[in-house]
PDB file of N, CA and C in Angstrom:
ATOM      1  N   MET A   1       0.897  -1.034   0.007  1.00  0.00           N
ATOM      2  CA  MET A   1      -0.061   0.066  -0.017  1.00  0.00           C
ATOM      3  C   MET A   1       0.811   1.299  -0.047  1.00  0.00           C
ATOM      4  N   ILE A   2       1.896   1.267   0.917  1.00  0.00           N
ATOM      5  CA  ILE A   2       2.817   2.365   0.944  1.00  0.00           C
ATOM      6  C   ILE A   2       3.557   2.653  -0.392  1.00  0.00           C
ATOM      7  N   GLN A   3       3.982   1.481  -0.969  1.00  0.00           N
ATOM      8  CA  GLN A   3       4.735   1.576  -2.267  1.00  0.00           C
ATOM      9  C   GLN A   3       3.966   2.166  -3.360  1.00  0.00           C
ATOM     10  N   GLN A   4       2.616   1.796  -3.354  1.00  0.00           N
ATOM     11  CA  GLN A   4       1.739   2.236  -4.365  1.00  0.00           C
ATOM     12  C   GLN A   4       1.409   3.816  -4.311  1.00  0.00           C
ATOM     13  N   TYR A   5       1.309   4.246  -3.057  1.00  0.00           N
ATOM     14  CA  TYR A   5       1.226   5.611  -2.645  1.00  0.00           C
ATOM     15  C   TYR A   5       2.270   6.394  -3.101  1.00  0.00           C
ATOM     16  N   GLU A   6       3.473   5.942  -2.693  1.00  0.00           N
ATOM     17  CA  GLU A   6       4.608   6.652  -3.165  1.00  0.00           C
ATOM     18  C   GLU A   6       4.807   6.722  -4.612  1.00  0.00           C
ATOM     19  N   GLU A   7       4.546   5.529  -5.260  1.00  0.00           N
ATOM     20  CA  GLU A   7       4.567   5.743  -6.663  1.00  0.00           C
ATOM     21  C   GLU A   7       3.532   6.716  -7.320  1.00  0.00           C
ATOM     22  N   LYS A   8       2.398   6.748  -6.783  1.00  0.00           N
ATOM     23  CA  LYS A   8       1.504   7.642  -7.261  1.00  0.00           C
ATOM     24  C   LYS A   8       1.900   9.121  -6.987  1.00  0.00           C
ATOM     25  N   LEU A   9       2.452   9.403  -5.881  1.00  0.00           N
ATOM     26  CA  LEU A   9       2.947  10.698  -5.463  1.00  0.00           C
ATOM     27  C   LEU A   9       3.972  11.163  -6.444  1.00  0.00           C
ATOM     28  N   LEU A  10       5.028  10.293  -6.745  1.00  0.00           N
ATOM     29  CA  LEU A  10       6.111  10.449  -7.642  1.00  0.00           C
ATOM     30  C   LEU A  10       5.589  10.695  -8.986  1.00  0.00           C
ATOM     31  N   THR A  11       4.767   9.892  -9.355  1.00  0.00           N
ATOM     32  CA  THR A  11       4.053  10.219 -10.833  1.00  0.00           C
ATOM     33  C   THR A  11       3.619  11.465 -10.917  1.00  0.00           C
ATOM     34  N   LEU A  12       2.807  11.799  -9.859  1.00  0.00           N
ATOM     35  CA  LEU A  12       2.054  13.253  -9.967  1.00  0.00           C
ATOM     36  C   LEU A  12       3.033  14.339 -10.222  1.00  0.00           C
ATOM     37  N   ILE A  13       4.289  14.234  -9.388  1.00  0.00           N
ATOM     38  CA  ILE A  13       5.413  15.109  -9.527  1.00  0.00           C
ATOM     39  C   ILE A  13       5.890  14.970 -10.989  1.00  0.00           C
ATOM     40  N   ASP A  14       6.176  13.882 -11.544  1.00  0.00           N
ATOM     41  CA  ASP A  14       6.736  13.628 -12.900  1.00  0.00           C
ATOM     42  C   ASP A  14       5.737  14.237 -13.942  1.00  0.00           C
ATOM     43  N   GLN A  15       4.472  14.086 -13.768  1.00  0.00           N
ATOM     44  CA  GLN A  15       3.556  14.568 -14.716  1.00  0.00           C
ATOM     45  C   GLN A  15       3.455  16.023 -14.916  1.00  0.00           C
ATOM     46  N   MET A  16       3.748  16.740 -13.835  1.00  0.00           N
ATOM     47  CA  MET A  16       3.766  18.147 -13.789  1.00  0.00           C
ATOM     48  C   MET A  16       4.910  18.935 -14.485  1.00  0.00           C
ATOM     49  N   VAL A  17       6.015  18.132 -14.705  1.00  0.00           N
ATOM     50  CA  VAL A  17       7.224  18.719 -15.132  1.00  0.00           C
ATOM     51  C   VAL A  17       7.171  19.564 -16.394  1.00  0.00           C
ATOM     52  N   GLU A  18       6.250  19.130 -17.436  1.00  0.00           N
ATOM     53  CA  GLU A  18       6.234  19.999 -18.668  1.00  0.00           C
ATOM     54  C   GLU A  18       5.431  21.285 -18.514  1.00  0.00           C
ATOM     55  N   THR A  19       4.722  21.411 -17.364  1.00  0.00           N
ATOM     56  CA  THR A  19       3.893  22.659 -17.355  1.00  0.00           C
ATOM     57  C   THR A  19       4.076  23.387 -16.026  1.00  0.00           C
ATOM     58  N   ALA A  20       5.045  22.969 -15.148  1.00  0.00           N
ATOM     59  CA  ALA A  20       5.373  23.423 -13.887  1.00  0.00           C
ATOM     60  C   ALA A  20       6.121  24.814 -13.956  1.00  0.00           C
ATOM     61  N   SER A  21       5.935  25.578 -12.938  1.00  0.00           N
ATOM     62  CA  SER A  21       6.696  26.861 -12.863  1.00  0.00           C
ATOM     63  C   SER A  21       8.005  26.352 -12.202  1.00  0.00           C
ATOM     64  N   ASP A  22       8.949  27.226 -12.213  1.00  0.00           N
ATOM     65  CA  ASP A  22      10.339  27.110 -11.477  1.00  0.00           C
ATOM     66  C   ASP A  22      10.102  26.702 -10.086  1.00  0.00           C
ATOM     67  N   ASP A  23       9.091  27.387  -9.504  1.00  0.00           N
ATOM     68  CA  ASP A  23       8.749  27.111  -8.071  1.00  0.00           C
ATOM     69  C   ASP A  23       8.219  25.724  -7.865  1.00  0.00           C
ATOM     70  N   GLU A  24       7.351  25.326  -8.787  1.00  0.00           N
ATOM     71  CA  GLU A  24       6.798  24.010  -8.688  1.00  0.00           C
ATOM     72  C   GLU A  24       7.744  22.962  -8.944  1.00  0.00           C
ATOM     73  N   LEU A  25       8.646  23.111  -9.798  1.00  0.00           N
ATOM     74  CA  LEU A  25       9.653  22.197 -10.201  1.00  0.00           C
ATOM     75  C   LEU A  25      10.620  21.984  -8.948  1.00  0.00           C
ATOM     76  N   PHE A  26      10.965  23.187  -8.218  1.00  0.00           N
ATOM     77  CA  PHE A  26      11.744  22.994  -7.050  1.00  0.00           C
ATOM     78  C   PHE A  26      11.139  22.272  -6.127  1.00  0.00           C
ATOM     79  N   ALA A  27       9.857  22.731  -5.928  1.00  0.00           N
ATOM     80  CA  ALA A  27       9.047  21.885  -4.635  1.00  0.00           C
ATOM     81  C   ALA A  27       8.883  20.444  -5.016  1.00  0.00           C
ATOM     82  N   GLY A  28       8.671  20.166  -6.156  1.00  0.00           N
ATOM     83  CA  GLY A  28       8.599  18.843  -6.662  1.00  0.00           C
ATOM     84  C   GLY A  28       9.811  17.862  -6.299  1.00  0.00           C
ATOM     85  N   GLY A  29      10.902  18.506  -6.688  1.00  0.00           N
ATOM     86  CA  GLY A  29      12.235  17.922  -6.594  1.00  0.00           C
ATOM     87  C   GLY A  29      12.611  17.680  -4.958  1.00  0.00           C
ATOM     88  N   TYR A  30      12.273  18.708  -4.377  1.00  0.00           N
ATOM     89  CA  TYR A  30      12.479  18.750  -2.851  1.00  0.00           C
ATOM     90  C   TYR A  30      11.636  17.769  -2.245  1.00  0.00           C
ATOM     91  N   LEU A  31      10.413  17.556  -2.628  1.00  0.00           N
ATOM     92  CA  LEU A  31       9.523  16.652  -2.010  1.00  0.00           C
ATOM     93  C   LEU A  31       9.935  15.185  -2.205  1.00  0.00           C
ATOM     94  N   ARG A  32      10.376  14.883  -3.429  1.00  0.00           N
ATOM     95  CA  ARG A  32      10.781  13.622  -3.944  1.00  0.00           C
ATOM     96  C   ARG A  32      11.491  12.978  -2.786  1.00  0.00           C
ATOM     97  N   GLY A  33      12.534  13.586  -2.336  1.00  0.00           N
ATOM     98  CA  GLY A  33      13.550  12.936  -1.300  1.00  0.00           C
ATOM     99  C   GLY A  33      12.701  12.799  -0.011  1.00  0.00           C
ATOM    100  N   HIS A  34      11.943  13.588   0.461  1.00  0.00           N
ATOM    101  CA  HIS A  34      11.023  13.523   1.664  1.00  0.00           C
ATOM    102  C   HIS A  34      10.077  12.257   1.576  1.00  0.00           C
ATOM    103  N   ILE A  35       9.430  12.159   0.382  1.00  0.00           N
ATOM    104  CA  ILE A  35       8.378  11.068   0.139  1.00  0.00           C
ATOM    105  C   ILE A  35       9.116   9.816   0.136  1.00  0.00           C
ATOM    106  N   SER A  36      10.154   9.605  -0.729  1.00  0.00           N
ATOM    107  CA  SER A  36      10.930   8.411  -0.763  1.00  0.00           C
ATOM    108  C   SER A  36      11.500   7.806   0.570  1.00  0.00           C
ATOM    109  N   LEU A  37      12.055   8.849   1.370  1.00  0.00           N
ATOM    110  CA  LEU A  37      12.624   8.528   2.620  1.00  0.00           C
ATOM    111  C   LEU A  37      11.598   7.984   3.621  1.00  0.00           C
ATOM    112  N   SER A  38      10.452   8.781   3.481  1.00  0.00           N
ATOM    113  CA  SER A  38       9.312   8.458   4.456  1.00  0.00           C
ATOM    114  C   SER A  38       8.756   7.105   4.183  1.00  0.00           C
ATOM    115  N   ALA A  39       8.565   6.831   2.872  1.00  0.00           N
ATOM    116  CA  ALA A  39       8.116   5.404   2.506  1.00  0.00           C
ATOM    117  C   ALA A  39       8.939   4.349   2.837  1.00  0.00           C
ATOM    118  N   ALA A  40      10.190   4.592   2.729  1.00  0.00           N
ATOM    119  CA  ALA A  40      11.430   3.665   3.093  1.00  0.00           C
ATOM    120  C   ALA A  40      11.181   3.364   4.607  1.00  0.00           C
ATOM    121  N   HIS A  41      10.983   4.462   5.404  1.00  0.00           N
ATOM    122  CA  HIS A  41      10.866   4.266   6.954  1.00  0.00           C
ATOM    123  C   HIS A  41       9.523   3.381   7.266  1.00  0.00           C
ATOM    124  N   CYS A  42       8.525   3.787   6.545  1.00  0.00           N
ATOM    125  CA  CYS A  42       7.339   3.030   6.773  1.00  0.00           C
ATOM    126  C   CYS A  42       7.518   1.551   6.540  1.00  0.00           C
ATOM    127  N   GLU A  43       8.106   1.369   5.364  1.00  0.00           N
ATOM    128  CA  GLU A  43       8.364  -0.225   4.934  1.00  0.00           C
ATOM    129  C   GLU A  43       9.172  -0.861   5.860  1.00  0.00           C
ATOM    130  N   LEU A  44      10.229  -0.202   6.459  1.00  0.00           N
ATOM    131  CA  LEU A  44      11.143  -0.816   7.444  1.00  0.00           C
ATOM    132  C   LEU A  44      10.326  -1.087   8.684  1.00  0.00           C
ATOM    133  N   GLU A  45       9.438  -0.216   8.998  1.00  0.00           N
ATOM    134  CA  GLU A  45       8.768  -0.445  10.291  1.00  0.00           C
ATOM    135  C   GLU A  45       7.490  -1.187  10.070  1.00  0.00           C
ATOM    136  N   GLY A  46       7.205  -1.672   8.916  1.00  0.00           N
ATOM    137  CA  GLY A  46       5.965  -2.578   8.687  1.00  0.00           C
ATOM    138  C   GLY A  46       4.706  -1.790   8.681  1.00  0.00           C
ATOM    139  N   THR A  47       4.832  -0.556   8.489  1.00  0.00           N
ATOM    140  CA  THR A  47       3.552   0.263   8.581  1.00  0.00           C
ATOM    141  C   THR A  47       2.911   0.396   7.072  1.00  0.00           C
ATOM    142  N   SER A  48       1.690   0.299   7.027  1.00  0.00           N
ATOM    143  CA  SER A  48       0.928   0.336   5.698  1.00  0.00           C
ATOM    144  C   SER A  48       0.072   1.443   5.818  1.00  0.00           C
ATOM    145  N   SER A  49       0.074   2.236   6.738  1.00  0.00           N
ATOM    146  CA  SER A  49      -1.030   3.365   6.743  1.00  0.00           C
ATOM    147  C   SER A  49      -0.391   4.648   5.985  1.00  0.00           C
ATOM    148  N   ILE A  50      -1.420   5.014   5.220  1.00  0.00           N
ATOM    149  CA  ILE A  50      -0.916   6.163   4.364  1.00  0.00           C
ATOM    150  C   ILE A  50      -0.848   7.396   5.335  1.00  0.00           C
ATOM    151  N   GLU A  51      -1.763   7.450   6.167  1.00  0.00           N
ATOM    152  CA  GLU A  51      -1.687   8.491   7.257  1.00  0.00           C
ATOM    153  C   GLU A  51      -0.331   8.703   8.030  1.00  0.00           C
ATOM    154  N   VAL A  52       0.163   7.544   8.339  1.00  0.00           N
ATOM    155  CA  VAL A  52       1.528   7.471   9.124  1.00  0.00           C
ATOM    156  C   VAL A  52       2.504   8.110   8.113  1.00  0.00           C
ATOM    157  N   MET A  53       2.429   7.604   6.731  1.00  0.00           N
ATOM    158  CA  MET A  53       3.347   8.042   5.857  1.00  0.00           C
ATOM    159  C   MET A  53       3.329   9.586   5.640  1.00  0.00           C
ATOM    160  N   ASP A  54       2.118   9.993   5.558  1.00  0.00           N
ATOM    161  CA  ASP A  54       1.950  11.532   5.402  1.00  0.00           C
ATOM    162  C   ASP A  54       2.512  12.263   6.684  1.00  0.00           C
ATOM    163  N   ALA A  55       2.305  11.672   7.805  1.00  0.00           N
ATOM    164  CA  ALA A  55       2.878  12.340   9.026  1.00  0.00           C
ATOM    165  C   ALA A  55       4.438  12.227   8.985  1.00  0.00           C
ATOM    166  N   LYS A  56       4.927  11.177   8.487  1.00  0.00           N
ATOM    167  CA  LYS A  56       6.444  11.149   8.490  1.00  0.00           C
ATOM    168  C   LYS A  56       6.939  12.111   7.280  1.00  0.00           C
ATOM    169  N   VAL A  57       6.293  12.405   6.297  1.00  0.00           N
ATOM    170  CA  VAL A  57       6.636  13.464   5.390  1.00  0.00           C
ATOM    171  C   VAL A  57       6.794  14.767   6.055  1.00  0.00           C
ATOM    172  N   VAL A  58       5.729  15.034   6.767  1.00  0.00           N
ATOM    173  CA  VAL A  58       5.488  16.375   7.343  1.00  0.00           C
ATOM    174  C   VAL A  58       6.703  16.397   8.403  1.00  0.00           C
ATOM    175  N   GLU A  59       6.921  15.437   9.102  1.00  0.00           N
ATOM    176  CA  GLU A  59       7.991  15.329  10.256  1.00  0.00           C
ATOM    177  C   GLU A  59       9.359  15.518   9.445  1.00  0.00           C
ATOM    178  N   SER A  60       9.543  14.843   8.318  1.00  0.00           N
ATOM    179  CA  SER A  60      10.893  14.977   7.730  1.00  0.00           C
ATOM    180  C   SER A  60      11.046  16.360   7.237  1.00  0.00           C
ATOM    181  N   MET A  61       9.979  16.999   6.640  1.00  0.00           N
ATOM    182  CA  MET A  61      10.289  18.348   6.194  1.00  0.00           C
ATOM    183  C   MET A  61      10.482  19.337   7.442  1.00  0.00           C
ATOM    184  N   ALA A  62       9.805  19.076   8.556  1.00  0.00           N
ATOM    185  CA  ALA A  62       9.949  19.921   9.683  1.00  0.00           C
ATOM    186  C   ALA A  62      11.425  19.882  10.176  1.00  0.00           C
ATOM    187  N   ASP A  63      11.950  18.596  10.153  1.00  0.00           N
ATOM    188  CA  ASP A  63      13.360  18.357  10.666  1.00  0.00           C
ATOM    189  C   ASP A  63      14.352  19.221   9.732  1.00  0.00           C
ATOM    190  N   ALA A  64      13.953  19.410   8.457  1.00  0.00           N
ATOM    191  CA  ALA A  64      14.797  19.960   7.518  1.00  0.00           C
ATOM    192  C   ALA A  64      14.479  21.420   7.170  1.00  0.00           C
ATOM    193  N   GLN A  65      13.566  21.901   7.942  1.00  0.00           N
ATOM    194  CA  GLN A  65      13.110  23.298   7.792  1.00  0.00           C
ATOM    195  C   GLN A  65      14.292  24.337   7.723  1.00  0.00           C
ATOM    196  N   SER A  66      15.240  24.265   8.254  1.00  0.00           N
ATOM    197  CA  SER A  66      16.378  25.258   8.163  1.00  0.00           C
ATOM    198  C   SER A  66      16.915  25.250   6.818  1.00  0.00           C
ATOM    199  N   GLU A  67      16.695  24.214   5.964  1.00  0.00           N
ATOM    200  CA  GLU A  67      17.207  24.198   4.620  1.00  0.00           C
ATOM    201  C   GLU A  67      16.711  25.297   3.672  1.00  0.00           C
ATOM    202  N   LEU A  68      15.365  25.646   3.985  1.00  0.00           N
ATOM    203  CA  LEU A  68      14.682  26.540   3.069  1.00  0.00           C
ATOM    204  C   LEU A  68      14.262  27.899   3.904  1.00  0.00           C
ATOM    205  N   ASN A  69      14.149  28.836   3.010  1.00  0.00           N
ATOM    206  CA  ASN A  69      13.683  30.096   3.461  1.00  0.00           C
ATOM    207  C   ASN A  69      12.125  29.966   3.628  1.00  0.00           C
ATOM    208  N   PRO A  70      11.628  30.929   4.375  1.00  0.00           N
ATOM    209  CA  PRO A  70      10.062  30.793   4.632  1.00  0.00           C
ATOM    210  C   PRO A  70       9.245  30.823   3.349  1.00  0.00           C
ATOM    211  N   ALA A  71       9.599  31.539   2.420  1.00  0.00           N
ATOM    212  CA  ALA A  71       8.839  31.595   1.193  1.00  0.00           C
ATOM    213  C   ALA A  71       8.874  30.227   0.522  1.00  0.00           C
ATOM    214  N   ASP A  72      10.022  29.554   0.436  1.00  0.00           N
ATOM    215  CA  ASP A  72      10.167  28.136  -0.193  1.00  0.00           C
ATOM    216  C   ASP A  72       9.518  27.205   0.654  1.00  0.00           C
ATOM    217  N   GLN A  73       9.501  27.222   1.992  1.00  0.00           N
ATOM    218  CA  GLN A  73       8.742  26.447   2.873  1.00  0.00           C
ATOM    219  C   GLN A  73       7.233  26.419   2.476  1.00  0.00           C
ATOM    220  N   LEU A  74       6.718  27.637   2.402  1.00  0.00           N
ATOM    221  CA  LEU A  74       5.341  27.762   1.904  1.00  0.00           C
ATOM    222  C   LEU A  74       5.012  26.975   0.667  1.00  0.00           C
ATOM    223  N   ILE A  75       5.947  27.238  -0.296  1.00  0.00           N
ATOM    224  CA  ILE A  75       5.651  26.484  -1.682  1.00  0.00           C
ATOM    225  C   ILE A  75       5.690  25.041  -1.550  1.00  0.00           C
ATOM    226  N   VAL A  76       6.679  24.668  -0.738  1.00  0.00           N
ATOM    227  CA  VAL A  76       6.727  23.111  -0.646  1.00  0.00           C
ATOM    228  C   VAL A  76       5.478  22.592   0.190  1.00  0.00           C
ATOM    229  N   LYS A  77       5.050  23.307   1.215  1.00  0.00           N
ATOM    230  CA  LYS A  77       3.859  22.721   2.025  1.00  0.00           C
ATOM    231  C   LYS A  77       2.670  22.845   1.002  1.00  0.00           C
ATOM    232  N   GLU A  78       2.462  23.845   0.230  1.00  0.00           N
ATOM    233  CA  GLU A  78       1.264  23.914  -0.512  1.00  0.00           C
ATOM    234  C   GLU A  78       1.319  22.863  -1.654  1.00  0.00           C
ATOM    235  N   MET A  79       2.493  22.442  -2.229  1.00  0.00           N
ATOM    236  CA  MET A  79       2.604  21.370  -3.240  1.00  0.00           C
ATOM    237  C   MET A  79       2.170  20.130  -2.431  1.00  0.00           C
ATOM    238  N   TRP A  80       2.771  19.891  -1.240  1.00  0.00           N
ATOM    239  CA  TRP A  80       2.585  18.668  -0.432  1.00  0.00           C
ATOM    240  C   TRP A  80       1.043  18.546  -0.336  1.00  0.00           C
ATOM    241  N   GLN A  81       0.379  19.451   0.110  1.00  0.00           N
ATOM    242  CA  GLN A  81      -1.155  19.462   0.224  1.00  0.00           C
ATOM    243  C   GLN A  81      -1.849  19.066  -1.014  1.00  0.00           C
ATOM    244  N   GLN A  82      -1.392  19.676  -2.057  1.00  0.00           N
ATOM    245  CA  GLN A  82      -2.051  19.322  -3.394  1.00  0.00           C
ATOM    246  C   GLN A  82      -1.678  17.843  -3.896  1.00  0.00           C
ATOM    247  N   LEU A  83      -0.494  17.506  -3.584  1.00  0.00           N
ATOM    248  CA  LEU A  83      -0.126  16.013  -3.927  1.00  0.00           C
ATOM    249  C   LEU A  83      -1.015  15.042  -3.161  1.00  0.00           C
ATOM    250  N   GLN A  84      -1.128  15.330  -2.027  1.00  0.00           N
ATOM    251  CA  GLN A  84      -1.996  14.453  -0.926  1.00  0.00           C
ATOM    252  C   GLN A  84      -3.343  14.208  -1.579  1.00  0.00           C
ATOM    253  N   LEU A  85      -3.974  15.388  -1.911  1.00  0.00           N
ATOM    254  CA  LEU A  85      -5.377  15.473  -2.371  1.00  0.00           C
ATOM    255  C   LEU A  85      -5.475  14.634  -3.715  1.00  0.00           C
ATOM    256  N   GLN A  86      -4.428  14.755  -4.634  1.00  0.00           N
ATOM    257  CA  GLN A  86      -4.562  14.149  -5.837  1.00  0.00           C
ATOM    258  C   GLN A  86      -4.336  12.717  -5.807  1.00  0.00           C
ATOM    259  N   ALA A  87      -3.465  12.220  -4.814  1.00  0.00           N
ATOM    260  CA  ALA A  87      -3.063  10.926  -4.745  1.00  0.00           C
ATOM    261  C   ALA A  87      -4.131   9.964  -4.000  1.00  0.00           C
ATOM    262  N   ARG A  88      -5.033  10.567  -3.338  1.00  0.00           N
ATOM    263  CA  ARG A  88      -6.055   9.685  -2.654  1.00  0.00           C
ATOM    264  C   ARG A  88      -7.125   9.437  -3.505  1.00  0.00           C
TER     265      ARG A  88
END
């Protein structure tokens, strides 16, 4: 279940490449790492809950918050919310 959800999220990111703005491309690339890392953690823990994976992505982004300025943080958070809605 987690693997399919991860694949769907990454596919959504890939599909927007042709029409995405520079900000969206940045956010998509940034989120790919957090999504894959969180999916791997879920699989190692034997967790199949999408809600748990979503929480792990948010936690991972919060842990790396210092990497981004506030404007970029907002762009990434908004894209994450959009991806979650589209993937479900």
